[in-house]
Amino acid sequence: DANSLRLRWQVVGVDPGFDHDVAVNLAGQTLTGFTPA
C-alpha cells in the first residue's frame, strides 16, 4: 500500500539524522561515495 519507498541513511558522527535518501529499487541497489571505516 506504499506509493513512496525511500532508502534513507545516516553516516554516524557526520550526519545529525537520516539526512540522505534515494528511491528504493526492489531488485537491490548499491550506495556509493562513502569513505572506509
Full PDB file with SEQRES, HELIX, SHEET, SSBOND, CRYST1, ORIGX, SCALE, CONECT and MASTER records, all heavy atoms in Angstrom:
SEQRES   1 A   37  ASP ALA ASN SER LEU ARG LEU ARG TRP GLN VAL VAL GLY          
SEQRES   2 A   37  VAL ASP PRO GLY PHE ASP HIS ASP VAL ALA VAL ASN LEU          
SEQRES   3 A   37  ALA GLY GLN THR LEU THR GLY PHE THR PRO ALA                  
SHEET    1 AA1 2 ARG A   6  TRP A   9  0                                        
SHEET    2 AA1 2 HIS A  20  ALA A  23 -1                                        
CRYST1    1.000    1.000    1.000  90.00  90.00  90.00 P 1           1          
ORIGX1      1.000000  0.000000  0.000000        0.00000                         
ORIGX2      0.000000  1.000000  0.000000        0.00000                         
ORIGX3      0.000000  0.000000  1.000000        0.00000                         
SCALE1      1.000000  0.000000  0.000000        0.00000                         
SCALE2      0.000000  1.000000  0.000000        0.00000                         
SCALE3      0.000000  0.000000  1.000000        0.00000                         
ATOM      1  N   ASP A   1       0.809  -1.224   0.000  1.00  0.00           N  
ATOM      2  CA  ASP A   1       0.000   0.000   0.000  1.00  0.00           C  
ATOM      3  C   ASP A   1       0.840   1.271   0.000  1.00  0.00           C  
ATOM      4  O   ASP A   1       0.322   2.359   0.236  1.00  0.00           O  
ATOM      5  CB  ASP A   1      -0.995   0.031   1.172  1.00  0.00           C  
ATOM      6  CG  ASP A   1      -2.001  -1.106   1.106  1.00  0.00           C  
ATOM      7  OD1 ASP A   1      -2.438  -1.444  -0.011  1.00  0.00           O  
ATOM      8  OD2 ASP A   1      -2.331  -1.653   2.165  1.00  0.00           O  
ATOM      9  N   ALA A   2       2.149   1.171  -0.245  1.00  0.00           N  
ATOM     10  CA  ALA A   2       3.001   2.359  -0.298  1.00  0.00           C  
ATOM     11  C   ALA A   2       2.961   2.972  -1.692  1.00  0.00           C  
ATOM     12  O   ALA A   2       2.949   2.257  -2.694  1.00  0.00           O  
ATOM     13  CB  ALA A   2       4.435   2.004   0.057  1.00  0.00           C  
ATOM     14  N   ASN A   3       2.931   4.302  -1.752  1.00  0.00           N  
ATOM     15  CA  ASN A   3       3.119   4.966  -3.041  1.00  0.00           C  
ATOM     16  C   ASN A   3       4.486   5.638  -3.104  1.00  0.00           C  
ATOM     17  O   ASN A   3       4.841   6.237  -4.091  1.00  0.00           O  
ATOM     18  CB  ASN A   3       1.987   5.951  -3.349  1.00  0.00           C  
ATOM     19  CG  ASN A   3       1.823   7.016  -2.293  1.00  0.00           C  
ATOM     20  OD1 ASN A   3       2.742   7.308  -1.545  1.00  0.00           O  
ATOM     21  ND2 ASN A   3       0.636   7.599  -2.222  1.00  0.00           N  
ATOM     22  N   SER A   4       5.257   5.489  -2.006  1.00  0.00           N  
ATOM     23  CA  SER A   4       6.619   6.005  -1.959  1.00  0.00           C  
ATOM     24  C   SER A   4       7.469   5.081  -1.089  1.00  0.00           C  
ATOM     25  O   SER A   4       7.077   4.757   0.033  1.00  0.00           O  
ATOM     26  CB  SER A   4       6.616   7.417  -1.367  1.00  0.00           C  
ATOM     27  OG  SER A   4       7.940   7.866  -1.152  1.00  0.00           O  
ATOM     28  N   LEU A   5       8.592   4.644  -1.639  1.00  0.00           N  
ATOM     29  CA  LEU A   5       9.564   3.842  -0.884  1.00  0.00           C  
ATOM     30  C   LEU A   5      10.916   4.537  -1.011  1.00  0.00           C  
ATOM     31  O   LEU A   5      11.455   4.662  -2.118  1.00  0.00           O  
ATOM     32  CB  LEU A   5       9.662   2.415  -1.436  1.00  0.00           C  
ATOM     33  CG  LEU A   5       8.445   1.529  -1.249  1.00  0.00           C  
ATOM     34  CD1 LEU A   5       8.606   0.231  -2.047  1.00  0.00           C  
ATOM     35  CD2 LEU A   5       8.239   1.212   0.234  1.00  0.00           C  
ATOM     36  N   ARG A   6      11.459   5.002   0.124  1.00  0.00           N  
ATOM     37  CA  ARG A   6      12.717   5.737   0.123  1.00  0.00           C  
ATOM     38  C   ARG A   6      13.715   5.064   1.046  1.00  0.00           C  
ATOM     39  O   ARG A   6      13.409   4.785   2.206  1.00  0.00           O  
ATOM     40  CB  ARG A   6      12.518   7.180   0.599  1.00  0.00           C  
ATOM     41  CG  ARG A   6      11.488   7.995  -0.171  1.00  0.00           C  
ATOM     42  CD  ARG A   6      11.879   8.297  -1.577  1.00  0.00           C  
ATOM     43  NE  ARG A   6      13.047   9.173  -1.676  1.00  0.00           N  
ATOM     44  CZ  ARG A   6      13.551   9.565  -2.830  1.00  0.00           C  
ATOM     45  NH1 ARG A   6      13.046   9.174  -3.974  1.00  0.00           N  
ATOM     46  NH2 ARG A   6      14.616  10.350  -2.841  1.00  0.00           N  
ATOM     47  N   LEU A   7      14.904   4.769   0.519  1.00  0.00           N  
ATOM     48  CA  LEU A   7      16.007   4.270   1.325  1.00  0.00           C  
ATOM     49  C   LEU A   7      16.687   5.486   1.938  1.00  0.00           C  
ATOM     50  O   LEU A   7      17.146   6.381   1.231  1.00  0.00           O  
ATOM     51  CB  LEU A   7      16.990   3.478   0.468  1.00  0.00           C  
ATOM     52  CG  LEU A   7      18.271   3.026   1.168  1.00  0.00           C  
ATOM     53  CD1 LEU A   7      17.950   2.078   2.322  1.00  0.00           C  
ATOM     54  CD2 LEU A   7      19.208   2.368   0.174  1.00  0.00           C  
ATOM     55  N   ARG A   8      16.730   5.520   3.270  1.00  0.00           N  
ATOM     56  CA  ARG A   8      17.308   6.650   3.987  1.00  0.00           C  
ATOM     57  C   ARG A   8      18.580   6.192   4.690  1.00  0.00           C  
ATOM     58  O   ARG A   8      18.655   5.055   5.124  1.00  0.00           O  
ATOM     59  CB  ARG A   8      16.309   7.193   5.016  1.00  0.00           C  
ATOM     60  CG  ARG A   8      14.980   7.553   4.389  1.00  0.00           C  
ATOM     61  CD  ARG A   8      13.907   8.007   5.377  1.00  0.00           C  
ATOM     62  NE  ARG A   8      13.910   7.290   6.615  1.00  0.00           N  
ATOM     63  CZ  ARG A   8      13.919   7.859   7.823  1.00  0.00           C  
ATOM     64  NH1 ARG A   8      13.929   9.161   7.962  1.00  0.00           N  
ATOM     65  NH2 ARG A   8      13.921   7.125   8.918  1.00  0.00           N  
ATOM     66  N   TRP A   9      19.580   7.095   4.801  1.00  0.00           N  
ATOM     67  CA  TRP A   9      20.790   6.717   5.520  1.00  0.00           C  
ATOM     68  C   TRP A   9      21.397   7.896   6.248  1.00  0.00           C  
ATOM     69  O   TRP A   9      21.155   9.051   5.932  1.00  0.00           O  
ATOM     70  CB  TRP A   9      21.804   6.037   4.617  1.00  0.00           C  
ATOM     71  CG  TRP A   9      22.462   6.886   3.582  1.00  0.00           C  
ATOM     72  CD1 TRP A   9      23.643   7.562   3.691  1.00  0.00           C  
ATOM     73  CD2 TRP A   9      21.998   7.146   2.265  1.00  0.00           C  
ATOM     74  NE1 TRP A   9      23.941   8.221   2.529  1.00  0.00           N  
ATOM     75  CE2 TRP A   9      22.943   7.983   1.630  1.00  0.00           C  
ATOM     76  CE3 TRP A   9      20.875   6.763   1.544  1.00  0.00           C  
ATOM     77  CZ2 TRP A   9      22.786   8.419   0.327  1.00  0.00           C  
ATOM     78  CZ3 TRP A   9      20.723   7.214   0.249  1.00  0.00           C  
ATOM     79  CH2 TRP A   9      21.677   8.022  -0.335  1.00  0.00           C  
ATOM     80  N   GLN A  10      22.192   7.520   7.246  1.00  0.00           N  
ATOM     81  CA  GLN A  10      22.878   8.472   8.101  1.00  0.00           C  
ATOM     82  C   GLN A  10      24.289   7.964   8.330  1.00  0.00           C  
ATOM     83  O   GLN A  10      24.480   6.801   8.680  1.00  0.00           O  
ATOM     84  CB  GLN A  10      22.146   8.568   9.439  1.00  0.00           C  
ATOM     85  CG  GLN A  10      22.899   9.292  10.519  1.00  0.00           C  
ATOM     86  CD  GLN A  10      22.239   9.174  11.881  1.00  0.00           C  
ATOM     87  OE1 GLN A  10      21.381   8.338  12.094  1.00  0.00           O  
ATOM     88  NE2 GLN A  10      22.651  10.004  12.799  1.00  0.00           N  
ATOM     89  N   VAL A  11      25.291   8.824   8.123  1.00  0.00           N  
ATOM     90  CA  VAL A  11      26.662   8.487   8.463  1.00  0.00           C  
ATOM     91  C   VAL A  11      26.855   8.893   9.927  1.00  0.00           C  
ATOM     92  O   VAL A  11      26.751  10.076  10.271  1.00  0.00           O  
ATOM     93  CB  VAL A  11      27.680   9.198   7.551  1.00  0.00           C  
ATOM     94  CG1 VAL A  11      29.103   8.847   7.956  1.00  0.00           C  
ATOM     95  CG2 VAL A  11      27.426   8.831   6.088  1.00  0.00           C  
ATOM     96  N   VAL A  12      27.089   7.908  10.781  1.00  0.00           N  
ATOM     97  CA  VAL A  12      27.213   8.149  12.216  1.00  0.00           C  
ATOM     98  C   VAL A  12      28.416   9.051  12.488  1.00  0.00           C  
ATOM     99  O   VAL A  12      29.495   8.847  11.932  1.00  0.00           O  
ATOM    100  CB  VAL A  12      27.340   6.810  12.974  1.00  0.00           C  
ATOM    101  CG1 VAL A  12      27.582   7.046  14.461  1.00  0.00           C  
ATOM    102  CG2 VAL A  12      26.093   5.957  12.756  1.00  0.00           C  
ATOM    103  N   GLY A  13      28.212  10.071  13.316  1.00  0.00           N  
ATOM    104  CA  GLY A  13      29.277  11.009  13.641  1.00  0.00           C  
ATOM    105  C   GLY A  13      29.432  12.132  12.638  1.00  0.00           C  
ATOM    106  O   GLY A  13      30.221  13.045  12.849  1.00  0.00           O  
ATOM    107  N   VAL A  14      28.705  12.066  11.525  1.00  0.00           N  
ATOM    108  CA  VAL A  14      28.762  13.100  10.489  1.00  0.00           C  
ATOM    109  C   VAL A  14      27.392  13.759  10.326  1.00  0.00           C  
ATOM    110  O   VAL A  14      27.269  14.979  10.359  1.00  0.00           O  
ATOM    111  CB  VAL A  14      29.248  12.518   9.143  1.00  0.00           C  
ATOM    112  CG1 VAL A  14      29.202  13.571   8.040  1.00  0.00           C  
ATOM    113  CG2 VAL A  14      30.643  11.933   9.277  1.00  0.00           C  
ATOM    114  N   ASP A  15      26.367  12.949  10.148  1.00  0.00           N  
ATOM    115  CA  ASP A  15      25.012  13.444   9.916  1.00  0.00           C  
ATOM    116  C   ASP A  15      24.214  13.435  11.219  1.00  0.00           C  
ATOM    117  O   ASP A  15      24.273  12.458  11.971  1.00  0.00           O  
ATOM    118  CB  ASP A  15      24.286  12.566   8.893  1.00  0.00           C  
ATOM    119  CG  ASP A  15      24.989  12.509   7.550  1.00  0.00           C  
ATOM    120  OD1 ASP A  15      25.483  13.561   7.103  1.00  0.00           O  
ATOM    121  OD2 ASP A  15      25.027  11.423   6.945  1.00  0.00           O  
ATOM    122  N   PRO A  16      23.433  14.493  11.487  1.00  0.00           N  
ATOM    123  CA  PRO A  16      22.633  14.517  12.706  1.00  0.00           C  
ATOM    124  C   PRO A  16      21.432  13.572  12.666  1.00  0.00           C  
ATOM    125  O   PRO A  16      20.885  13.217  13.709  1.00  0.00           O  
ATOM    126  CB  PRO A  16      22.183  15.972  12.812  1.00  0.00           C  
ATOM    127  CG  PRO A  16      22.255  16.502  11.429  1.00  0.00           C  
ATOM    128  CD  PRO A  16      23.354  15.745  10.742  1.00  0.00           C  
ATOM    129  N   GLY A  17      21.023  13.168  11.482  1.00  0.00           N  
ATOM    130  CA  GLY A  17      19.878  12.267  11.330  1.00  0.00           C  
ATOM    131  C   GLY A  17      19.924  11.617   9.969  1.00  0.00           C  
ATOM    132  O   GLY A  17      20.948  11.648   9.282  1.00  0.00           O  
ATOM    133  N   PHE A  18      18.811  11.042   9.562  1.00  0.00           N  
ATOM    134  CA  PHE A  18      18.726  10.411   8.246  1.00  0.00           C  
ATOM    135  C   PHE A  18      18.593  11.506   7.191  1.00  0.00           C  
ATOM    136  O   PHE A  18      17.510  11.805   6.695  1.00  0.00           O  
ATOM    137  CB  PHE A  18      17.542   9.444   8.201  1.00  0.00           C  
ATOM    138  CG  PHE A  18      17.794   8.175   8.953  1.00  0.00           C  
ATOM    139  CD1 PHE A  18      17.419   8.053  10.281  1.00  0.00           C  
ATOM    140  CD2 PHE A  18      18.421   7.106   8.351  1.00  0.00           C  
ATOM    141  CE1 PHE A  18      17.655   6.885  10.988  1.00  0.00           C  
ATOM    142  CE2 PHE A  18      18.675   5.934   9.039  1.00  0.00           C  
ATOM    143  CZ  PHE A  18      18.291   5.832  10.361  1.00  0.00           C  
ATOM    144  N   ASP A  19      19.744  12.130   6.874  1.00  0.00           N  
ATOM    145  CA  ASP A  19      19.766  13.295   6.006  1.00  0.00           C  
ATOM    146  C   ASP A  19      19.820  12.968   4.514  1.00  0.00           C  
ATOM    147  O   ASP A  19      19.762  13.860   3.692  1.00  0.00           O  
ATOM    148  CB  ASP A  19      20.974  14.173   6.350  1.00  0.00           C  
ATOM    149  CG  ASP A  19      20.862  14.806   7.712  1.00  0.00           C  
ATOM    150  OD1 ASP A  19      19.759  14.795   8.299  1.00  0.00           O  
ATOM    151  OD2 ASP A  19      21.881  15.312   8.219  1.00  0.00           O  
ATOM    152  N   HIS A  20      19.969  11.695   4.170  1.00  0.00           N  
ATOM    153  CA  HIS A  20      20.111  11.303   2.767  1.00  0.00           C  
ATOM    154  C   HIS A  20      19.033  10.282   2.426  1.00  0.00           C  
ATOM    155  O   HIS A  20      18.673   9.450   3.258  1.00  0.00           O  
ATOM    156  CB  HIS A  20      21.488  10.665   2.515  1.00  0.00           C  
ATOM    157  CG  HIS A  20      22.616  11.484   3.084  1.00  0.00           C  
ATOM    158  ND1 HIS A  20      23.161  12.558   2.424  1.00  0.00           N  
ATOM    159  CD2 HIS A  20      23.292  11.378   4.255  1.00  0.00           C  
ATOM    160  CE1 HIS A  20      24.132  13.076   3.159  1.00  0.00           C  
ATOM    161  NE2 HIS A  20      24.223  12.377   4.279  1.00  0.00           N  
ATOM    162  N   ASP A  21      18.536  10.343   1.189  1.00  0.00           N  
ATOM    163  CA  ASP A  21      17.590   9.325   0.761  1.00  0.00           C  
ATOM    164  C   ASP A  21      17.591   9.205  -0.753  1.00  0.00           C  
ATOM    165  O   ASP A  21      18.033  10.096  -1.463  1.00  0.00           O  
ATOM    166  CB  ASP A  21      16.185   9.603   1.297  1.00  0.00           C  
ATOM    167  CG  ASP A  21      15.495  10.762   0.606  1.00  0.00           C  
ATOM    168  OD1 ASP A  21      16.158  11.783   0.346  1.00  0.00           O  
ATOM    169  OD2 ASP A  21      14.297  10.647   0.317  1.00  0.00           O  
ATOM    170  N   VAL A  22      17.111   8.053  -1.198  1.00  0.00           N  
ATOM    171  CA  VAL A  22      17.030   7.754  -2.619  1.00  0.00           C  
ATOM    172  C   VAL A  22      15.860   6.783  -2.803  1.00  0.00           C  
ATOM    173  O   VAL A  22      15.495   6.055  -1.876  1.00  0.00           O  
ATOM    174  CB  VAL A  22      18.370   7.142  -3.138  1.00  0.00           C  
ATOM    175  CG1 VAL A  22      18.657   5.801  -2.507  1.00  0.00           C  
ATOM    176  CG2 VAL A  22      18.406   7.067  -4.638  1.00  0.00           C  
ATOM    177  N   ALA A  23      15.261   6.789  -3.987  1.00  0.00           N  
ATOM    178  CA  ALA A  23      14.169   5.860  -4.271  1.00  0.00           C  
ATOM    179  C   ALA A  23      14.667   4.423  -4.152  1.00  0.00           C  
ATOM    180  O   ALA A  23      15.794   4.105  -4.541  1.00  0.00           O  
ATOM    181  CB  ALA A  23      13.604   6.109  -5.661  1.00  0.00           C  
ATOM    182  N   VAL A  24      13.824   3.556  -3.610  1.00  0.00           N  
ATOM    183  CA  VAL A  24      14.161   2.141  -3.461  1.00  0.00           C  
ATOM    184  C   VAL A  24      14.070   1.448  -4.814  1.00  0.00           C  
ATOM    185  O   VAL A  24      13.131   1.675  -5.579  1.00  0.00           O  
ATOM    186  CB  VAL A  24      13.198   1.463  -2.452  1.00  0.00           C  
ATOM    187  CG1 VAL A  24      13.269  -0.048  -2.542  1.00  0.00           C  
ATOM    188  CG2 VAL A  24      13.492   1.938  -1.044  1.00  0.00           C  
ATOM    189  N   ASN A  25      15.041   0.595  -5.105  1.00  0.00           N  
ATOM    190  CA  ASN A  25      14.987  -0.318  -6.239  1.00  0.00           C  
ATOM    191  C   ASN A  25      14.792  -1.702  -5.637  1.00  0.00           C  
ATOM    192  O   ASN A  25      15.713  -2.257  -5.035  1.00  0.00           O  
ATOM    193  CB  ASN A  25      16.279  -0.244  -7.049  1.00  0.00           C  
ATOM    194  CG  ASN A  25      16.277  -1.187  -8.224  1.00  0.00           C  
ATOM    195  OD1 ASN A  25      15.481  -2.123  -8.295  1.00  0.00           O  
ATOM    196  ND2 ASN A  25      17.175  -0.963  -9.156  1.00  0.00           N  
ATOM    197  N   LEU A  26      13.584  -2.262  -5.758  1.00  0.00           N  
ATOM    198  CA  LEU A  26      13.260  -3.529  -5.102  1.00  0.00           C  
ATOM    199  C   LEU A  26      14.138  -4.686  -5.559  1.00  0.00           C  
ATOM    200  O   LEU A  26      14.275  -5.677  -4.846  1.00  0.00           O  
ATOM    201  CB  LEU A  26      11.784  -3.865  -5.301  1.00  0.00           C  
ATOM    202  CG  LEU A  26      10.813  -2.950  -4.557  1.00  0.00           C  
ATOM    203  CD1 LEU A  26       9.378  -3.244  -4.966  1.00  0.00           C  
ATOM    204  CD2 LEU A  26      10.993  -3.072  -3.057  1.00  0.00           C  
ATOM    205  N   ALA A  27      14.769  -4.555  -6.724  1.00  0.00           N  
ATOM    206  CA  ALA A  27      15.670  -5.595  -7.211  1.00  0.00           C  
ATOM    207  C   ALA A  27      17.013  -5.564  -6.480  1.00  0.00           C  
ATOM    208  O   ALA A  27      17.812  -6.485  -6.612  1.00  0.00           O  
ATOM    209  CB  ALA A  27      15.882  -5.443  -8.714  1.00  0.00           C  
ATOM    210  N   GLY A  28      17.255  -4.504  -5.690  1.00  0.00           N  
ATOM    211  CA  GLY A  28      18.517  -4.322  -4.986  1.00  0.00           C  
ATOM    212  C   GLY A  28      19.246  -3.122  -5.548  1.00  0.00           C  
ATOM    213  O   GLY A  28      18.985  -2.693  -6.669  1.00  0.00           O  
ATOM    214  N   GLN A  29      20.131  -2.563  -4.742  1.00  0.00           N  
ATOM    215  CA  GLN A  29      20.843  -1.374  -5.187  1.00  0.00           C  
ATOM    216  C   GLN A  29      22.141  -1.213  -4.418  1.00  0.00           C  
ATOM    217  O   GLN A  29      22.356  -1.884  -3.406  1.00  0.00           O  
ATOM    218  CB  GLN A  29      19.962  -0.138  -5.040  1.00  0.00           C  
ATOM    219  CG  GLN A  29      19.525   0.184  -3.630  1.00  0.00           C  
ATOM    220  CD  GLN A  29      18.309   1.105  -3.641  1.00  0.00           C  
ATOM    221  OE1 GLN A  29      17.238   0.681  -3.268  1.00  0.00           O  
ATOM    222  NE2 GLN A  29      18.472   2.338  -4.073  1.00  0.00           N  
ATOM    223  N   THR A  30      22.984  -0.322  -4.935  1.00  0.00           N  
ATOM    224  CA  THR A  30      24.275  -0.054  -4.316  1.00  0.00           C  
ATOM    225  C   THR A  30      24.394   1.441  -4.051  1.00  0.00           C  
ATOM    226  O   THR A  30      24.174   2.253  -4.949  1.00  0.00           O  
ATOM    227  CB  THR A  30      25.421  -0.521  -5.229  1.00  0.00           C  
ATOM    228  OG1 THR A  30      25.282  -1.924  -5.452  1.00  0.00           O  
ATOM    229  CG2 THR A  30      26.772  -0.259  -4.589  1.00  0.00           C  
ATOM    230  N   LEU A  31      24.744   1.780  -2.817  1.00  0.00           N  
ATOM    231  CA  LEU A  31      25.053   3.163  -2.462  1.00  0.00           C  
ATOM    232  C   LEU A  31      26.559   3.352  -2.587  1.00  0.00           C  
ATOM    233  O   LEU A  31      27.332   2.467  -2.226  1.00  0.00           O  
ATOM    234  CB  LEU A  31      24.624   3.464  -1.030  1.00  0.00           C  
ATOM    235  CG  LEU A  31      23.137   3.397  -0.717  1.00  0.00           C  
ATOM    236  CD1 LEU A  31      22.903   3.663   0.767  1.00  0.00           C  
ATOM    237  CD2 LEU A  31      22.358   4.386  -1.565  1.00  0.00           C  
ATOM    238  N   THR A  32      26.972   4.516  -3.069  1.00  0.00           N  
ATOM    239  CA  THR A  32      28.394   4.784  -3.279  1.00  0.00           C  
ATOM    240  C   THR A  32      28.794   6.094  -2.603  1.00  0.00           C  
ATOM    241  O   THR A  32      27.945   6.848  -2.138  1.00  0.00           O  
ATOM    242  CB  THR A  32      28.715   4.878  -4.777  1.00  0.00           C  
ATOM    243  OG1 THR A  32      27.978   5.967  -5.338  1.00  0.00           O  
ATOM    244  CG2 THR A  32      28.357   3.600  -5.515  1.00  0.00           C  
ATOM    245  N   GLY A  33      30.100   6.338  -2.573  1.00  0.00           N  
ATOM    246  CA  GLY A  33      30.612   7.621  -2.114  1.00  0.00           C  
ATOM    247  C   GLY A  33      31.012   7.674  -0.651  1.00  0.00           C  
ATOM    248  O   GLY A  33      31.278   8.748  -0.126  1.00  0.00           O  
ATOM    249  N   PHE A  34      31.075   6.539   0.005  1.00  0.00           N  
ATOM    250  CA  PHE A  34      31.480   6.517   1.405  1.00  0.00           C  
ATOM    251  C   PHE A  34      32.988   6.349   1.504  1.00  0.00           C  
ATOM    252  O   PHE A  34      33.631   5.840   0.597  1.00  0.00           O  
ATOM    253  CB  PHE A  34      30.782   5.371   2.144  1.00  0.00           C  
ATOM    254  CG  PHE A  34      29.284   5.480   2.124  1.00  0.00           C  
ATOM    255  CD1 PHE A  34      28.534   4.722   1.238  1.00  0.00           C  
ATOM    256  CD2 PHE A  34      28.625   6.347   2.987  1.00  0.00           C  
ATOM    257  CE1 PHE A  34      27.158   4.826   1.208  1.00  0.00           C  
ATOM    258  CE2 PHE A  34      27.247   6.454   2.968  1.00  0.00           C  
ATOM    259  CZ  PHE A  34      26.510   5.697   2.072  1.00  0.00           C  
ATOM    260  N   THR A  35      33.548   6.768   2.638  1.00  0.00           N  
ATOM    261  CA  THR A  35      34.960   6.545   2.887  1.00  0.00           C  
ATOM    262  C   THR A  35      35.109   5.326   3.789  1.00  0.00           C  
ATOM    263  O   THR A  35      34.160   4.938   4.478  1.00  0.00           O  
ATOM    264  CB  THR A  35      35.614   7.777   3.532  1.00  0.00           C  
ATOM    265  OG1 THR A  35      34.935   8.077   4.745  1.00  0.00           O  
ATOM    266  CG2 THR A  35      35.546   8.985   2.623  1.00  0.00           C  
ATOM    267  N   PRO A  36      36.275   4.679   3.770  1.00  0.00           N  
ATOM    268  CA  PRO A  36      36.472   3.485   4.601  1.00  0.00           C  
ATOM    269  C   PRO A  36      36.243   3.764   6.082  1.00  0.00           C  
ATOM    270  O   PRO A  36      36.527   4.857   6.575  1.00  0.00           O  
ATOM    271  CB  PRO A  36      37.929   3.100   4.335  1.00  0.00           C  
ATOM    272  CG  PRO A  36      38.233   3.683   2.997  1.00  0.00           C  
ATOM    273  CD  PRO A  36      37.441   4.952   2.926  1.00  0.00           C  
ATOM    274  N   ALA A  37      35.739   2.774   6.771  1.00  0.00           N  
ATOM    275  CA  ALA A  37      35.531   2.773   8.220  1.00  0.00           C  
ATOM    276  C   ALA A  37      34.423   3.713   8.691  1.00  0.00           C  
ATOM    277  O   ALA A  37      34.379   4.069   9.858  1.00  0.00           O  
ATOM    278  CB  ALA A  37      36.829   3.053   8.966  1.00  0.00           C  
TER     279      ALA A  37                                                      
MASTER        0    0    0    0    2    0    0    6  278    1    0    3          
END                                                                             
